[in-house]
Amino acid sequence: MRLSFIQKDVLFLLYAIEQKGGTKPVGSMSLLTIINDSRNSAIADKNFRPSCHKLVDNGLLELHRGKALKLHWKLTSTGRERAEAIYHDIVNEQRNI
């Protein structure tokens, strides 16, 4: 599966959150806010959610429902492997700047 920039950001952030000790699924809007805070132009939620659902369809994320049936996301073991590679690529790029 070829990943979009949005999907790479989602995997990167969920992996980074896990590395900091996060064990619970992360809320959709929290994730979108973090991504948008790090970009020059904001991603619309109507583009963000389908990207996450596609990651679920491909076995990289798990979908959870929180209070009031809000969407939450968590890495699968396969997603964690892909996310780890993305994470290390981004970290190495930043070190070389």
C-alpha atoms as a PDB file:
ATOM      1  CA  MET A   1       0.000   0.000   0.000  1.00  0.00           C
ATOM      2  CA  ARG A   2       1.271   3.432  -0.945  1.00  0.00           C
ATOM      3  CA  LEU A   3       0.724   5.887   1.893  1.00  0.00           C
ATOM      4  CA  SER A   4      -0.417   9.499   1.521  1.00  0.00           C
ATOM      5  CA  PHE A   5       1.205  12.313   3.479  1.00  0.00           C
ATOM      6  CA  ILE A   6      -1.808  12.331   5.803  1.00  0.00           C
ATOM      7  CA  GLN A   7      -1.494   8.591   6.441  1.00  0.00           C
ATOM      8  CA  LYS A   8       2.243   8.873   7.084  1.00  0.00           C
ATOM      9  CA  ASP A   9       1.582  11.674   9.572  1.00  0.00           C
ATOM     10  CA  VAL A  10      -1.033   9.576  11.373  1.00  0.00           C
ATOM     11  CA  LEU A  11       1.281   6.577  11.646  1.00  0.00           C
ATOM     12  CA  PHE A  12       4.209   8.775  12.717  1.00  0.00           C
ATOM     13  CA  LEU A  13       2.216  10.493  15.457  1.00  0.00           C
ATOM     14  CA  LEU A  14       0.640   7.343  16.832  1.00  0.00           C
ATOM     15  CA  TYR A  15       4.074   5.710  16.959  1.00  0.00           C
ATOM     16  CA  ALA A  16       5.586   8.778  18.668  1.00  0.00           C
ATOM     17  CA  ILE A  17       2.757   8.759  21.227  1.00  0.00           C
ATOM     18  CA  GLU A  18       3.406   5.069  21.935  1.00  0.00           C
ATOM     19  CA  GLN A  19       7.115   5.778  22.370  1.00  0.00           C
ATOM     20  CA  LYS A  20       6.238   8.364  25.014  1.00  0.00           C
ATOM     21  CA  GLY A  21       4.239   5.735  26.915  1.00  0.00           C
ATOM     22  CA  GLY A  22       0.777   6.201  25.434  1.00  0.00           C
ATOM     23  CA  THR A  23      -1.216   2.982  25.481  1.00  0.00           C
ATOM     24  CA  LYS A  24      -4.783   4.135  24.805  1.00  0.00           C
ATOM     25  CA  PRO A  25      -6.356   4.841  21.418  1.00  0.00           C
ATOM     26  CA  VAL A  26      -6.011   8.484  20.370  1.00  0.00           C
ATOM     27  CA  GLY A  27      -9.045  10.577  19.527  1.00  0.00           C
ATOM     28  CA  SER A  28      -9.559  11.551  15.921  1.00  0.00           C
ATOM     29  CA  MET A  29      -9.852  15.280  16.570  1.00  0.00           C
ATOM     30  CA  SER A  30      -6.804  15.292  18.853  1.00  0.00           C
ATOM     31  CA  LEU A  31      -4.765  13.637  16.136  1.00  0.00           C
ATOM     32  CA  LEU A  32      -6.046  16.028  13.464  1.00  0.00           C
ATOM     33  CA  THR A  33      -5.264  19.043  15.657  1.00  0.00           C
ATOM     34  CA  ILE A  34      -1.690  17.870  16.221  1.00  0.00           C
ATOM     35  CA  ILE A  35      -1.189  17.292  12.493  1.00  0.00           C
ATOM     36  CA  ASN A  36      -2.678  20.662  11.550  1.00  0.00           C
ATOM     37  CA  ASP A  37      -0.551  22.460  14.148  1.00  0.00           C
ATOM     38  CA  SER A  38       2.574  21.112  12.438  1.00  0.00           C
ATOM     39  CA  ARG A  39       1.585  22.042   8.855  1.00  0.00           C
ATOM     40  CA  ASN A  40       1.458  25.267   6.876  1.00  0.00           C
ATOM     41  CA  SER A  41      -1.976  24.429   5.486  1.00  0.00           C
ATOM     42  CA  ALA A  42      -4.654  22.617   7.439  1.00  0.00           C
ATOM     43  CA  ILE A  43      -6.042  19.230   6.478  1.00  0.00           C
ATOM     44  CA  ALA A  44      -9.814  19.106   6.316  1.00  0.00           C
ATOM     45  CA  ASP A  45     -11.499  16.536   8.532  1.00  0.00           C
ATOM     46  CA  LYS A  46     -13.350  15.222   5.460  1.00  0.00           C
ATOM     47  CA  ASN A  47      -9.937  14.197   4.043  1.00  0.00           C
ATOM     48  CA  PHE A  48      -8.490  13.036   7.345  1.00  0.00           C
ATOM     49  CA  ARG A  49     -11.137  10.496   8.347  1.00  0.00           C
ATOM     50  CA  PRO A  50     -11.170   8.578   5.037  1.00  0.00           C
ATOM     51  CA  SER A  51      -7.377   8.363   5.212  1.00  0.00           C
ATOM     52  CA  CYS A  52      -7.619   6.776   8.653  1.00  0.00           C
ATOM     53  CA  HIS A  53     -10.373   4.403   7.526  1.00  0.00           C
ATOM     54  CA  LYS A  54      -8.172   3.306   4.616  1.00  0.00           C
ATOM     55  CA  LEU A  55      -5.410   2.503   7.137  1.00  0.00           C
ATOM     56  CA  VAL A  56      -7.945   0.385   9.051  1.00  0.00           C
ATOM     57  CA  ASP A  57      -8.984  -1.375   5.822  1.00  0.00           C
ATOM     58  CA  ASN A  58      -5.335  -2.229   5.186  1.00  0.00           C
ATOM     59  CA  GLY A  59      -4.699  -3.540   8.702  1.00  0.00           C
ATOM     60  CA  LEU A  60      -2.459  -0.702   9.909  1.00  0.00           C
ATOM     61  CA  LEU A  61      -4.866   0.888  12.409  1.00  0.00           C
ATOM     62  CA  GLU A  62      -7.582  -0.282  14.764  1.00  0.00           C
ATOM     63  CA  LEU A  63     -10.759   1.769  15.044  1.00  0.00           C
ATOM     64  CA  HIS A  64     -12.200   2.271  18.520  1.00  0.00           C
ATOM     65  CA  ARG A  65     -15.262   4.174  19.660  1.00  0.00           C
ATOM     66  CA  GLY A  66     -14.970   6.463  22.640  1.00  0.00           C
ATOM     67  CA  LYS A  67     -17.602   8.318  24.590  1.00  0.00           C
ATOM     68  CA  ALA A  68     -20.449   9.598  22.438  1.00  0.00           C
ATOM     69  CA  LEU A  69     -19.209   7.164  19.746  1.00  0.00           C
ATOM     70  CA  LYS A  70     -16.284   9.416  18.793  1.00  0.00           C
ATOM     71  CA  LEU A  71     -13.548   7.802  16.685  1.00  0.00           C
ATOM     72  CA  HIS A  72     -10.242   6.783  18.259  1.00  0.00           C
ATOM     73  CA  TRP A  73      -7.270   5.140  16.536  1.00  0.00           C
ATOM     74  CA  LYS A  74      -4.518   2.762  17.598  1.00  0.00           C
ATOM     75  CA  LEU A  75      -1.700   1.056  15.702  1.00  0.00           C
ATOM     76  CA  THR A  76      -1.893  -2.643  14.888  1.00  0.00           C
ATOM     77  CA  SER A  77       1.320  -4.670  15.033  1.00  0.00           C
ATOM     78  CA  THR A  78       1.669  -4.321  11.242  1.00  0.00           C
ATOM     79  CA  GLY A  79       0.951  -0.607  11.500  1.00  0.00           C
ATOM     80  CA  ARG A  80       3.548  -0.283  14.234  1.00  0.00           C
ATOM     81  CA  GLU A  81       6.196  -1.816  11.947  1.00  0.00           C
ATOM     82  CA  ARG A  82       5.345   0.612   9.118  1.00  0.00           C
ATOM     83  CA  ALA A  83       5.144   3.512  11.554  1.00  0.00           C
ATOM     84  CA  GLU A  84       8.533   2.682  13.054  1.00  0.00           C
ATOM     85  CA  ALA A  85      10.170   2.886   9.622  1.00  0.00           C
ATOM     86  CA  ILE A  86       8.446   6.214   8.897  1.00  0.00           C
ATOM     87  CA  TYR A  87       9.403   7.527  12.329  1.00  0.00           C
ATOM     88  CA  HIS A  88      13.076   6.680  11.878  1.00  0.00           C
ATOM     89  CA  ASP A  89      13.122   8.123   8.343  1.00  0.00           C
ATOM     90  CA  ILE A  90      11.703  11.435   9.573  1.00  0.00           C
ATOM     91  CA  VAL A  91      13.975  11.599  12.608  1.00  0.00           C
ATOM     92  CA  ASN A  92      17.038  10.889  10.435  1.00  0.00           C
ATOM     93  CA  GLU A  93      15.953  13.548   7.911  1.00  0.00           C
ATOM     94  CA  GLN A  94      15.660  16.126  10.694  1.00  0.00           C
ATOM     95  CA  ARG A  95      19.120  15.262  12.006  1.00  0.00           C
ATOM     96  CA  ASN A  96      20.625  15.839   8.561  1.00  0.00           C
ATOM     97  CA  ILE A  97      19.129  19.327   8.184  1.00  0.00           C
END
